[in-house]
Amino acid sequence: MSILKHEALLRLRAIELVAYWEGRLITTQLMDWFGISRQQASADIKLYKYSRETDFKL
C-alpha cells in the first residue's frame, strides 16, 4: 500500500516517463502540467531520485 496521495503518484510517474524518454526533467515542466509550485516540483524530483537510488518502493 502506498503512503503517497494519488496526485503525487501521478507526478512521479510523469517524472519517470520524461526522464526515460528525454533523459532530463526540469521543474517548469511539472509546474505547467500539474499546476504546482516550484518547491513542490523540486520535492517531487528529489523524492523520485531518492526512490531510484535506494530502491524505495513508491
C-alpha atoms as a PDB file:
ATOM      1  CA  MET A   1       0.000   0.000   0.000  1.00  0.00           C
ATOM      2  CA  SER A   2       1.369   3.381  -0.980  1.00  0.00           C
ATOM      3  CA  ILE A   3       1.634   6.180   1.550  1.00  0.00           C
ATOM      4  CA  LEU A   4       1.542   8.819  -1.192  1.00  0.00           C
ATOM      5  CA  LYS A   5      -1.553  10.534  -2.487  1.00  0.00           C
ATOM      6  CA  HIS A   6      -2.825   9.703  -5.944  1.00  0.00           C
ATOM      7  CA  GLU A   7      -1.769  13.108  -7.306  1.00  0.00           C
ATOM      8  CA  ALA A   8       1.797  12.615  -6.066  1.00  0.00           C
ATOM      9  CA  LEU A   9       1.968   9.178  -7.686  1.00  0.00           C
ATOM     10  CA  LEU A  10       0.815  10.672 -10.995  1.00  0.00           C
ATOM     11  CA  ARG A  11       3.570  13.297 -10.809  1.00  0.00           C
ATOM     12  CA  LEU A  12       6.188  10.648 -10.026  1.00  0.00           C
ATOM     13  CA  ARG A  13       5.033   8.539 -12.966  1.00  0.00           C
ATOM     14  CA  ALA A  14       5.286  11.593 -15.223  1.00  0.00           C
ATOM     15  CA  ILE A  15       8.809  12.231 -13.933  1.00  0.00           C
ATOM     16  CA  GLU A  16       9.788   8.650 -14.696  1.00  0.00           C
ATOM     17  CA  LEU A  17       8.398   8.765 -18.231  1.00  0.00           C
ATOM     18  CA  VAL A  18      10.025  12.073 -19.121  1.00  0.00           C
ATOM     19  CA  ALA A  19      13.337  11.075 -17.535  1.00  0.00           C
ATOM     20  CA  TYR A  20      13.289   7.853 -19.541  1.00  0.00           C
ATOM     21  CA  TRP A  21      12.367   9.369 -22.901  1.00  0.00           C
ATOM     22  CA  GLU A  22      14.135  12.734 -22.705  1.00  0.00           C
ATOM     23  CA  GLY A  23      16.892  11.925 -20.250  1.00  0.00           C
ATOM     24  CA  ARG A  24      16.153  15.016 -18.156  1.00  0.00           C
ATOM     25  CA  LEU A  25      13.357  16.890 -16.468  1.00  0.00           C
ATOM     26  CA  ILE A  26      13.013  20.458 -15.301  1.00  0.00           C
ATOM     27  CA  THR A  27      10.724  21.770 -12.593  1.00  0.00           C
ATOM     28  CA  THR A  28       8.962  24.081 -15.048  1.00  0.00           C
ATOM     29  CA  GLN A  29       7.529  21.075 -16.883  1.00  0.00           C
ATOM     30  CA  LEU A  30       5.923  19.721 -13.724  1.00  0.00           C
ATOM     31  CA  MET A  31       4.705  23.175 -12.742  1.00  0.00           C
ATOM     32  CA  ASP A  32       2.989  23.649 -16.105  1.00  0.00           C
ATOM     33  CA  TRP A  33       1.499  20.153 -16.308  1.00  0.00           C
ATOM     34  CA  PHE A  34       0.206  19.843 -12.756  1.00  0.00           C
ATOM     35  CA  GLY A  35      -0.228  23.443 -11.603  1.00  0.00           C
ATOM     36  CA  ILE A  36       2.120  23.022  -8.647  1.00  0.00           C
ATOM     37  CA  SER A  37       4.696  25.324  -7.102  1.00  0.00           C
ATOM     38  CA  ARG A  38       8.407  25.198  -7.897  1.00  0.00           C
ATOM     39  CA  GLN A  39       9.047  23.933  -4.363  1.00  0.00           C
ATOM     40  CA  GLN A  40       6.623  21.030  -4.829  1.00  0.00           C
ATOM     41  CA  ALA A  41       8.106  20.167  -8.222  1.00  0.00           C
ATOM     42  CA  SER A  42      11.604  20.144  -6.704  1.00  0.00           C
ATOM     43  CA  ALA A  43      10.412  17.985  -3.810  1.00  0.00           C
ATOM     44  CA  ASP A  44       8.825  15.501  -6.237  1.00  0.00           C
ATOM     45  CA  ILE A  45      12.016  15.256  -8.287  1.00  0.00           C
ATOM     46  CA  LYS A  46      14.046  14.795  -5.107  1.00  0.00           C
ATOM     47  CA  LEU A  47      11.688  12.013  -3.969  1.00  0.00           C
ATOM     48  CA  TYR A  48      11.962  10.340  -7.372  1.00  0.00           C
ATOM     49  CA  LYS A  49      15.777  10.451  -7.235  1.00  0.00           C
ATOM     50  CA  TYR A  50      15.742   9.056  -3.690  1.00  0.00           C
ATOM     51  CA  SER A  51      13.433   6.203  -4.719  1.00  0.00           C
ATOM     52  CA  ARG A  52      15.745   5.289  -7.601  1.00  0.00           C
ATOM     53  CA  GLU A  53      18.934   5.438  -5.521  1.00  0.00           C
ATOM     54  CA  THR A  54      17.622   3.431  -2.559  1.00  0.00           C
ATOM     55  CA  ASP A  55      15.207   1.058  -4.299  1.00  0.00           C
ATOM     56  CA  PHE A  56      12.474   2.649  -2.187  1.00  0.00           C
ATOM     57  CA  LYS A  57       9.087   1.322  -3.278  1.00  0.00           C
ATOM     58  CA  LEU A  58       6.560   4.037  -4.017  1.00  0.00           C
END
